[in-house]
Amino acid sequence: MRHSGPYRFALNCAFGALFLCAAGAVRAQSTRLSASCDLGVVGASDTKGFLTFDREFRAALTQQDAGIMALLVEYPLRINDGRGSWHIEDAGSLQRRFQQIFPPALRSAVLATKTDALSCLAAGVMYANGTVWVNRIASGGKSPGPRYLVESINQADGPETPRNVRISCQTARHRIVVDNGADGLVRYRDWDTPLSLLEKPSLEIAGGKETSEGTGACRHWIWTFANGSAAIVLQTIGCYEESSGPPSGAHGQLIVSVKGRPDDLSWCF
């Protein structure tokens, strides 16, 4: 049956709205790489740029081509391993230490991770459960448009080495170090400013608790100590929303909690 006049106009509008809804749904899904990865969380508008990076990254690992890989990482490249964190500052350093940065176990784990099984967070895209983190780097100055680069590497292989100093930092009122005491227990030492470090600490607590939260680049360490009715917590910085992030230069936060009082929070530099 054919329709004309106002009825036909309304029918066409209804079909037009349906088409627009369907088109909108396609656009809404255009950034979805997998069930656990929507590239929209890192600011992408489609999957094309990432899929190009993914092919190049896998080729560089397969061929062990340091030259290609040098174009796919952000400098300084951060590597976390059993000894702590270290950085690669330039392409020449990456080439000289390629096998140390991308050992066989890491290459195998990344290459075994299917593209449609990758996970995405606001902090980036994870390969091999956070072994390698990739982020979308915005353009700036004379640099080209946004592109994907390897931002950090977490090497799971290799033994954990004993650590002594966990963290040292300074707030507006305190100079703090968390390390192992002579008894091997984790201890907290705090010198109130302007007290000299050559003097006895204002506060020293042994037998603290060390834990961590998060995975990959979001992993951060937490040390908790009891001081009478107060709980003292010192923690490194993990992932955070841009709107609530730490001030520039901060690498920890001190939290002092006393029951019945608001927590006392200080950034640690």
C-alpha atoms as a PDB file:
ATOM      1  CA  MET A   1       0.000   0.000   0.000  1.00  0.00           C
ATOM      2  CA  ARG A   2       1.341   3.434  -0.942  1.00  0.00           C
ATOM      3  CA  HIS A   3       0.942   6.427   1.322  1.00  0.00           C
ATOM      4  CA  SER A   4       1.029  10.111   0.506  1.00  0.00           C
ATOM      5  CA  GLY A   5       0.657  13.434   2.231  1.00  0.00           C
ATOM      6  CA  PRO A   6       1.275  13.927   5.974  1.00  0.00           C
ATOM      7  CA  TYR A   7       1.132  10.195   6.744  1.00  0.00           C
ATOM      8  CA  ARG A   8       3.891   9.404   4.250  1.00  0.00           C
ATOM      9  CA  PHE A   9       5.976  12.304   5.622  1.00  0.00           C
ATOM     10  CA  ALA A  10       5.626  10.980   9.202  1.00  0.00           C
ATOM     11  CA  LEU A  11       6.496   7.460   8.077  1.00  0.00           C
ATOM     12  CA  ASN A  12       9.631   8.705   6.302  1.00  0.00           C
ATOM     13  CA  CYS A  13      10.658  10.630   9.418  1.00  0.00           C
ATOM     14  CA  ALA A  14      10.191   7.522  11.538  1.00  0.00           C
ATOM     15  CA  PHE A  15      12.397   5.492   9.205  1.00  0.00           C
ATOM     16  CA  GLY A  16      14.902   8.372   9.142  1.00  0.00           C
ATOM     17  CA  ALA A  17      15.051   8.427  12.936  1.00  0.00           C
ATOM     18  CA  LEU A  18      15.545   4.663  12.996  1.00  0.00           C
ATOM     19  CA  PHE A  19      18.422   5.004  10.515  1.00  0.00           C
ATOM     20  CA  LEU A  20      20.036   7.752  12.582  1.00  0.00           C
ATOM     21  CA  CYS A  21      19.743   5.658  15.736  1.00  0.00           C
ATOM     22  CA  ALA A  22      21.344   2.708  13.981  1.00  0.00           C
ATOM     23  CA  ALA A  23      24.137   4.923  12.635  1.00  0.00           C
ATOM     24  CA  GLY A  24      24.656   6.347  16.096  1.00  0.00           C
ATOM     25  CA  ALA A  25      24.919   2.833  17.530  1.00  0.00           C
ATOM     26  CA  VAL A  26      27.566   1.959  14.928  1.00  0.00           C
ATOM     27  CA  ARG A  27      29.525   5.086  15.798  1.00  0.00           C
ATOM     28  CA  ALA A  28      29.212   4.324  19.515  1.00  0.00           C
ATOM     29  CA  GLN A  29      30.744   0.913  18.912  1.00  0.00           C
ATOM     30  CA  SER A  30      33.503   2.131  16.569  1.00  0.00           C
ATOM     31  CA  THR A  31      36.057   2.389  19.390  1.00  0.00           C
ATOM     32  CA  ARG A  32      35.403  -1.090  20.789  1.00  0.00           C
ATOM     33  CA  LEU A  33      38.367  -3.386  20.203  1.00  0.00           C
ATOM     34  CA  SER A  34      37.097  -6.300  22.292  1.00  0.00           C
ATOM     35  CA  ALA A  35      34.631  -7.148  25.040  1.00  0.00           C
ATOM     36  CA  SER A  36      37.146  -5.842  27.596  1.00  0.00           C
ATOM     37  CA  CYS A  37      38.610  -2.960  25.593  1.00  0.00           C
ATOM     38  CA  ASP A  38      36.883   0.205  24.446  1.00  0.00           C
ATOM     39  CA  LEU A  39      39.580   2.530  23.123  1.00  0.00           C
ATOM     40  CA  GLY A  40      37.314   5.454  23.893  1.00  0.00           C
ATOM     41  CA  VAL A  41      38.673   5.396  27.453  1.00  0.00           C
ATOM     42  CA  VAL A  42      42.071   6.572  26.134  1.00  0.00           C
ATOM     43  CA  GLY A  43      40.516   9.216  23.899  1.00  0.00           C
ATOM     44  CA  ALA A  44      40.351   7.305  20.594  1.00  0.00           C
ATOM     45  CA  SER A  45      37.569   7.839  18.075  1.00  0.00           C
ATOM     46  CA  ASP A  46      38.148   4.561  16.193  1.00  0.00           C
ATOM     47  CA  THR A  47      40.279   1.408  16.252  1.00  0.00           C
ATOM     48  CA  LYS A  48      42.264   2.037  13.061  1.00  0.00           C
ATOM     49  CA  GLY A  49      45.265   3.757  14.661  1.00  0.00           C
ATOM     50  CA  PHE A  50      45.629   1.131  17.365  1.00  0.00           C
ATOM     51  CA  LEU A  51      45.342  -1.808  14.964  1.00  0.00           C
ATOM     52  CA  THR A  52      48.152  -0.310  12.879  1.00  0.00           C
ATOM     53  CA  PHE A  53      50.294   0.034  16.004  1.00  0.00           C
ATOM     54  CA  ASP A  54      49.433  -3.518  17.088  1.00  0.00           C
ATOM     55  CA  ARG A  55      50.632  -5.015  13.790  1.00  0.00           C
ATOM     56  CA  GLU A  56      53.884  -3.031  13.893  1.00  0.00           C
ATOM     57  CA  PHE A  57      54.512  -3.847  17.550  1.00  0.00           C
ATOM     58  CA  ARG A  58      54.038  -7.570  17.023  1.00  0.00           C
ATOM     59  CA  ALA A  59      56.314  -7.470  13.970  1.00  0.00           C
ATOM     60  CA  ALA A  60      59.055  -5.674  15.920  1.00  0.00           C
ATOM     61  CA  LEU A  61      58.865  -8.318  18.670  1.00  0.00           C
ATOM     62  CA  THR A  62      58.790 -11.226  16.221  1.00  0.00           C
ATOM     63  CA  GLN A  63      61.725  -9.909  14.173  1.00  0.00           C
ATOM     64  CA  GLN A  64      63.492  -8.521  17.264  1.00  0.00           C
ATOM     65  CA  ASP A  65      63.974  -5.324  15.311  1.00  0.00           C
ATOM     66  CA  ALA A  66      65.212  -2.644  17.732  1.00  0.00           C
ATOM     67  CA  GLY A  67      65.021   0.024  15.021  1.00  0.00           C
ATOM     68  CA  ILE A  68      61.286  -0.457  14.472  1.00  0.00           C
ATOM     69  CA  MET A  69      60.687  -0.801  18.211  1.00  0.00           C
ATOM     70  CA  ALA A  70      62.504   2.487  18.817  1.00  0.00           C
ATOM     71  CA  LEU A  71      59.689   4.214  16.901  1.00  0.00           C
ATOM     72  CA  LEU A  72      56.998   2.502  18.990  1.00  0.00           C
ATOM     73  CA  VAL A  73      58.001   3.493  22.533  1.00  0.00           C
ATOM     74  CA  GLU A  74      57.666   6.695  24.535  1.00  0.00           C
ATOM     75  CA  TYR A  75      60.851   8.018  26.106  1.00  0.00           C
ATOM     76  CA  PRO A  76      61.782   7.718  28.841  1.00  0.00           C
ATOM     77  CA  LEU A  77      60.482   4.137  28.715  1.00  0.00           C
ATOM     78  CA  ARG A  78      59.873   2.790  32.211  1.00  0.00           C
ATOM     79  CA  ILE A  79      60.778  -0.808  33.078  1.00  0.00           C
ATOM     80  CA  ASN A  80      59.739  -2.377  36.387  1.00  0.00           C
ATOM     81  CA  ASP A  81      61.419  -5.592  37.493  1.00  0.00           C
ATOM     82  CA  GLY A  82      62.482  -7.407  40.648  1.00  0.00           C
ATOM     83  CA  ARG A  83      65.205  -4.829  41.280  1.00  0.00           C
ATOM     84  CA  GLY A  84      62.931  -1.805  41.056  1.00  0.00           C
ATOM     85  CA  SER A  85      62.240   0.719  38.275  1.00  0.00           C
ATOM     86  CA  TRP A  86      64.626   1.979  35.617  1.00  0.00           C
ATOM     87  CA  HIS A  87      64.306   3.973  32.436  1.00  0.00           C
ATOM     88  CA  ILE A  88      65.459   3.918  28.819  1.00  0.00           C
ATOM     89  CA  GLU A  89      66.109   7.464  27.650  1.00  0.00           C
ATOM     90  CA  ASP A  90      66.744   7.085  23.913  1.00  0.00           C
ATOM     91  CA  ALA A  91      66.745   4.788  20.874  1.00  0.00           C
ATOM     92  CA  GLY A  92      70.428   3.905  21.204  1.00  0.00           C
ATOM     93  CA  SER A  93      69.937   2.678  24.769  1.00  0.00           C
ATOM     94  CA  LEU A  94      66.904   0.689  23.649  1.00  0.00           C
ATOM     95  CA  GLN A  95      68.953  -1.055  20.959  1.00  0.00           C
ATOM     96  CA  ARG A  96      71.830  -1.906  23.309  1.00  0.00           C
ATOM     97  CA  ARG A  97      69.482  -3.358  25.924  1.00  0.00           C
ATOM     98  CA  PHE A  98      66.776  -4.767  23.657  1.00  0.00           C
ATOM     99  CA  GLN A  99      67.130  -8.365  24.899  1.00  0.00           C
ATOM    100  CA  GLN A 100      67.000  -7.183  28.509  1.00  0.00           C
ATOM    101  CA  ILE A 101      63.923  -5.051  27.919  1.00  0.00           C
ATOM    102  CA  PHE A 102      62.117  -7.630  25.759  1.00  0.00           C
ATOM    103  CA  PRO A 103      63.372 -11.045  26.940  1.00  0.00           C
ATOM    104  CA  PRO A 104      62.048 -14.250  25.302  1.00  0.00           C
ATOM    105  CA  ALA A 105      59.401 -14.893  27.976  1.00  0.00           C
ATOM    106  CA  LEU A 106      57.983 -11.405  27.611  1.00  0.00           C
ATOM    107  CA  ARG A 107      57.925 -11.585  23.811  1.00  0.00           C
ATOM    108  CA  SER A 108      56.141 -14.938  23.928  1.00  0.00           C
ATOM    109  CA  ALA A 109      53.561 -13.694  26.430  1.00  0.00           C
ATOM    110  CA  VAL A 110      52.753 -10.588  24.400  1.00  0.00           C
ATOM    111  CA  LEU A 111      52.578 -12.396  21.049  1.00  0.00           C
ATOM    112  CA  ALA A 112      50.297 -15.043  22.585  1.00  0.00           C
ATOM    113  CA  THR A 113      47.826 -12.309  23.604  1.00  0.00           C
ATOM    114  CA  LYS A 114      45.213 -12.033  20.870  1.00  0.00           C
ATOM    115  CA  THR A 115      44.203  -8.532  19.846  1.00  0.00           C
ATOM    116  CA  ASP A 116      40.559  -9.242  20.660  1.00  0.00           C
ATOM    117  CA  ALA A 117      41.561 -10.310  24.180  1.00  0.00           C
ATOM    118  CA  LEU A 118      43.311  -7.058  25.178  1.00  0.00           C
ATOM    119  CA  SER A 119      42.043  -5.024  28.119  1.00  0.00           C
ATOM    120  CA  CYS A 120      41.733  -1.242  28.351  1.00  0.00           C
ATOM    121  CA  LEU A 121      41.724   1.154  31.284  1.00  0.00           C
ATOM    122  CA  ALA A 122      42.031   4.916  31.450  1.00  0.00           C
ATOM    123  CA  ALA A 123      45.742   4.277  32.158  1.00  0.00           C
ATOM    124  CA  GLY A 124      46.192   2.501  28.808  1.00  0.00           C
ATOM    125  CA  VAL A 125      45.935  -0.790  26.918  1.00  0.00           C
ATOM    126  CA  MET A 126      47.318  -3.933  28.582  1.00  0.00           C
ATOM    127  CA  TYR A 127      49.163  -6.729  26.826  1.00  0.00           C
ATOM    128  CA  ALA A 128      49.687 -10.037  28.663  1.00  0.00           C
ATOM    129  CA  ASN A 129      47.778  -8.995  31.805  1.00  0.00           C
ATOM    130  CA  GLY A 130      49.716  -5.773  32.256  1.00  0.00           C
ATOM    131  CA  THR A 131      53.179  -6.969  31.230  1.00  0.00           C
ATOM    132  CA  VAL A 132      53.255  -4.194  28.619  1.00  0.00           C
ATOM    133  CA  TRP A 133      51.233  -0.972  28.831  1.00  0.00           C
ATOM    134  CA  VAL A 134      50.479   1.067  25.728  1.00  0.00           C
ATOM    135  CA  ASN A 135      48.933   4.517  25.746  1.00  0.00           C
ATOM    136  CA  ARG A 136      47.560   6.965  23.232  1.00  0.00           C
ATOM    137  CA  ILE A 137      49.917   9.934  23.232  1.00  0.00           C
ATOM    138  CA  ALA A 138      48.372  13.261  22.260  1.00  0.00           C
ATOM    139  CA  SER A 139      50.017  15.490  19.680  1.00  0.00           C
ATOM    140  CA  GLY A 140      51.817  18.599  20.815  1.00  0.00           C
ATOM    141  CA  GLY A 141      53.997  21.282  19.288  1.00  0.00           C
ATOM    142  CA  LYS A 142      55.373  20.058  15.963  1.00  0.00           C
ATOM    143  CA  SER A 143      54.728  16.386  16.710  1.00  0.00           C
ATOM    144  CA  PRO A 144      52.296  14.438  14.500  1.00  0.00           C
ATOM    145  CA  GLY A 145      48.757  13.592  15.514  1.00  0.00           C
ATOM    146  CA  PRO A 146      47.855  11.275  18.407  1.00  0.00           C
ATOM    147  CA  ARG A 147      49.598   7.906  18.241  1.00  0.00           C
ATOM    148  CA  TYR A 148      50.022   4.768  20.329  1.00  0.00           C
ATOM    149  CA  LEU A 149      53.332   4.081  22.080  1.00  0.00           C
ATOM    150  CA  VAL A 150      54.669   1.570  24.632  1.00  0.00           C
ATOM    151  CA  GLU A 151      54.700   3.492  27.916  1.00  0.00           C
ATOM    152  CA  SER A 152      55.903   0.968  30.509  1.00  0.00           C
ATOM    153  CA  ILE A 153      56.972  -2.663  30.885  1.00  0.00           C
ATOM    154  CA  ASN A 154      56.499  -4.917  33.915  1.00  0.00           C
ATOM    155  CA  GLN A 155      58.824  -7.880  33.787  1.00  0.00           C
ATOM    156  CA  ALA A 156      57.410 -10.795  35.741  1.00  0.00           C
ATOM    157  CA  ASP A 157      60.361 -13.119  35.106  1.00  0.00           C
ATOM    158  CA  GLY A 158      63.478 -12.938  37.266  1.00  0.00           C
ATOM    159  CA  PRO A 159      63.769 -13.298  41.044  1.00  0.00           C
ATOM    160  CA  GLU A 160      62.678 -10.655  43.488  1.00  0.00           C
ATOM    161  CA  THR A 161      65.727  -9.137  45.108  1.00  0.00           C
ATOM    162  CA  PRO A 162      65.655  -8.133  48.785  1.00  0.00           C
ATOM    163  CA  ARG A 163      64.887  -4.457  49.242  1.00  0.00           C
ATOM    164  CA  ASN A 164      66.091  -2.198  51.995  1.00  0.00           C
ATOM    165  CA  VAL A 165      64.883   1.340  51.341  1.00  0.00           C
ATOM    166  CA  ARG A 166      61.224   1.235  50.283  1.00  0.00           C
ATOM    167  CA  ILE A 167      60.525   4.931  49.926  1.00  0.00           C
ATOM    168  CA  SER A 168      61.986   8.246  51.040  1.00  0.00           C
ATOM    169  CA  CYS A 169      60.116  11.510  50.689  1.00  0.00           C
ATOM    170  CA  GLN A 170      59.405  14.864  52.278  1.00  0.00           C
ATOM    171  CA  THR A 171      56.182  16.692  53.159  1.00  0.00           C
ATOM    172  CA  ALA A 172      55.876  20.276  54.353  1.00  0.00           C
ATOM    173  CA  ARG A 173      56.443  19.120  57.936  1.00  0.00           C
ATOM    174  CA  HIS A 174      58.214  15.763  57.764  1.00  0.00           C
ATOM    175  CA  ARG A 175      61.192  13.999  56.210  1.00  0.00           C
ATOM    176  CA  ILE A 176      60.379  10.283  56.008  1.00  0.00           C
ATOM    177  CA  VAL A 177      62.086   7.034  55.078  1.00  0.00           C
ATOM    178  CA  VAL A 178      60.627   3.510  55.126  1.00  0.00           C
ATOM    179  CA  ASP A 179      63.269   0.778  55.116  1.00  0.00           C
ATOM    180  CA  ASN A 180      64.435  -2.361  56.946  1.00  0.00           C
ATOM    181  CA  GLY A 181      65.824  -2.004  60.450  1.00  0.00           C
ATOM    182  CA  ALA A 182      68.640  -4.119  61.907  1.00  0.00           C
ATOM    183  CA  ASP A 183      66.038  -6.753  62.848  1.00  0.00           C
ATOM    184  CA  GLY A 184      64.890  -7.024  59.229  1.00  0.00           C
ATOM    185  CA  LEU A 185      61.431  -5.609  59.977  1.00  0.00           C
ATOM    186  CA  VAL A 186      59.967  -2.797  57.918  1.00  0.00           C
ATOM    187  CA  ARG A 187      60.375   0.440  59.854  1.00  0.00           C
ATOM    188  CA  TYR A 188      59.191   4.037  59.625  1.00  0.00           C
ATOM    189  CA  ARG A 189      61.460   6.956  60.509  1.00  0.00           C
ATOM    190  CA  ASP A 190      60.294  10.558  60.558  1.00  0.00           C
ATOM    191  CA  TRP A 191      62.250  13.747  61.233  1.00  0.00           C
ATOM    192  CA  ASP A 192      60.082  16.806  61.875  1.00  0.00           C
ATOM    193  CA  THR A 193      61.428  19.785  59.923  1.00  0.00           C
ATOM    194  CA  PRO A 194      63.764  21.550  60.581  1.00  0.00           C
ATOM    195  CA  LEU A 195      65.300  18.736  62.683  1.00  0.00           C
ATOM    196  CA  SER A 196      68.673  17.519  61.345  1.00  0.00           C
ATOM    197  CA  LEU A 197      68.871  13.994  59.966  1.00  0.00           C
ATOM    198  CA  LEU A 198      71.903  13.526  62.238  1.00  0.00           C
ATOM    199  CA  GLU A 199      69.615  13.718  65.258  1.00  0.00           C
ATOM    200  CA  LYS A 200      67.327  11.026  66.604  1.00  0.00           C
ATOM    201  CA  PRO A 201      64.126  10.717  64.514  1.00  0.00           C
ATOM    202  CA  SER A 202      61.048  12.442  65.874  1.00  0.00           C
ATOM    203  CA  LEU A 203      59.225   9.148  65.396  1.00  0.00           C
ATOM    204  CA  GLU A 204      60.466   5.625  64.701  1.00  0.00           C
ATOM    205  CA  ILE A 205      58.164   2.606  64.369  1.00  0.00           C
ATOM    206  CA  ALA A 206      59.260  -0.970  63.621  1.00  0.00           C
ATOM    207  CA  GLY A 207      57.151  -3.860  62.354  1.00  0.00           C
ATOM    208  CA  GLY A 208      55.039  -2.150  59.732  1.00  0.00           C
ATOM    209  CA  LYS A 209      52.835  -3.910  57.216  1.00  0.00           C
ATOM    210  CA  GLU A 210      53.692  -3.779  53.502  1.00  0.00           C
ATOM    211  CA  THR A 211      51.020  -4.429  50.847  1.00  0.00           C
ATOM    212  CA  SER A 212      50.296  -3.451  47.251  1.00  0.00           C
ATOM    213  CA  GLU A 213      47.173  -2.756  45.218  1.00  0.00           C
ATOM    214  CA  GLY A 214      46.465  -2.650  41.499  1.00  0.00           C
ATOM    215  CA  THR A 215      48.258  -4.334  38.619  1.00  0.00           C
ATOM    216  CA  GLY A 216      50.710  -3.305  35.937  1.00  0.00           C
ATOM    217  CA  ALA A 217      51.290   0.427  35.719  1.00  0.00           C
ATOM    218  CA  CYS A 218      48.506   0.976  38.273  1.00  0.00           C
ATOM    219  CA  ARG A 219      50.255  -1.068  40.961  1.00  0.00           C
ATOM    220  CA  HIS A 220      51.208   0.966  44.033  1.00  0.00           C
ATOM    221  CA  TRP A 221      52.735   0.138  47.412  1.00  0.00           C
ATOM    222  CA  ILE A 222      51.229   0.809  50.834  1.00  0.00           C
ATOM    223  CA  TRP A 223      52.995   0.771  54.201  1.00  0.00           C
ATOM    224  CA  THR A 224      50.920   0.860  57.389  1.00  0.00           C
ATOM    225  CA  PHE A 225      52.232   1.502  60.914  1.00  0.00           C
ATOM    226  CA  ALA A 226      50.488   1.699  64.292  1.00  0.00           C
ATOM    227  CA  ASN A 227      51.437   4.469  66.709  1.00  0.00           C
ATOM    228  CA  GLY A 228      49.208   4.218  69.770  1.00  0.00           C
ATOM    229  CA  SER A 229      45.706   5.216  68.686  1.00  0.00           C
ATOM    230  CA  ALA A 230      46.973   6.544  65.358  1.00  0.00           C
ATOM    231  CA  ALA A 231      47.467   4.698  62.088  1.00  0.00           C
ATOM    232  CA  ILE A 232      50.179   6.026  59.776  1.00  0.00           C
ATOM    233  CA  VAL A 233      49.937   5.102  56.101  1.00  0.00           C
ATOM    234  CA  LEU A 234      52.495   5.971  53.452  1.00  0.00           C
ATOM    235  CA  GLN A 235      51.717   4.971  49.878  1.00  0.00           C
ATOM    236  CA  THR A 236      53.112   5.451  46.398  1.00  0.00           C
ATOM    237  CA  ILE A 237      50.918   6.799  43.611  1.00  0.00           C
ATOM    238  CA  GLY A 238      49.031   4.452  41.296  1.00  0.00           C
ATOM    239  CA  CYS A 239      46.476   5.346  38.630  1.00  0.00           C
ATOM    240  CA  TYR A 240      44.166   8.289  39.144  1.00  0.00           C
ATOM    241  CA  GLU A 241      41.679  10.525  37.370  1.00  0.00           C
ATOM    242  CA  GLU A 242      43.244  13.625  35.826  1.00  0.00           C
ATOM    243  CA  SER A 243      40.896  15.837  37.841  1.00  0.00           C
ATOM    244  CA  SER A 244      42.050  14.385  41.181  1.00  0.00           C
ATOM    245  CA  GLY A 245      45.695  13.612  40.553  1.00  0.00           C
ATOM    246  CA  PRO A 246      48.663  14.548  42.733  1.00  0.00           C
ATOM    247  CA  PRO A 247      50.569  17.812  42.314  1.00  0.00           C
ATOM    248  CA  SER A 248      53.584  17.829  40.000  1.00  0.00           C
ATOM    249  CA  GLY A 249      56.587  16.073  41.518  1.00  0.00           C
ATOM    250  CA  ALA A 250      54.688  14.131  44.186  1.00  0.00           C
ATOM    251  CA  HIS A 251      55.494  10.419  44.365  1.00  0.00           C
ATOM    252  CA  GLY A 252      53.691   9.454  47.567  1.00  0.00           C
ATOM    253  CA  GLN A 253      51.035  10.392  50.088  1.00  0.00           C
ATOM    254  CA  LEU A 254      51.131  10.390  53.892  1.00  0.00           C
ATOM    255  CA  ILE A 255      47.879   9.696  55.722  1.00  0.00           C
ATOM    256  CA  VAL A 256      47.609   9.936  59.507  1.00  0.00           C
ATOM    257  CA  SER A 257      44.354   8.582  60.951  1.00  0.00           C
ATOM    258  CA  VAL A 258      43.145   9.038  64.524  1.00  0.00           C
ATOM    259  CA  LYS A 259      39.734   7.722  65.514  1.00  0.00           C
ATOM    260  CA  GLY A 260      37.202  10.510  65.874  1.00  0.00           C
ATOM    261  CA  ARG A 261      39.240  12.996  63.813  1.00  0.00           C
ATOM    262  CA  PRO A 262      39.434  13.780  60.100  1.00  0.00           C
ATOM    263  CA  ASP A 263      42.377  12.133  58.364  1.00  0.00           C
ATOM    264  CA  ASP A 264      45.480  14.290  57.969  1.00  0.00           C
ATOM    265  CA  LEU A 265      46.648  13.972  54.332  1.00  0.00           C
ATOM    266  CA  SER A 266      49.938  15.283  52.931  1.00  0.00           C
ATOM    267  CA  TRP A 267      51.588  14.847  49.552  1.00  0.00           C
ATOM    268  CA  CYS A 268      55.108  13.471  49.694  1.00  0.00           C
ATOM    269  CA  PHE A 269      57.838  14.770  47.336  1.00  0.00           C
END
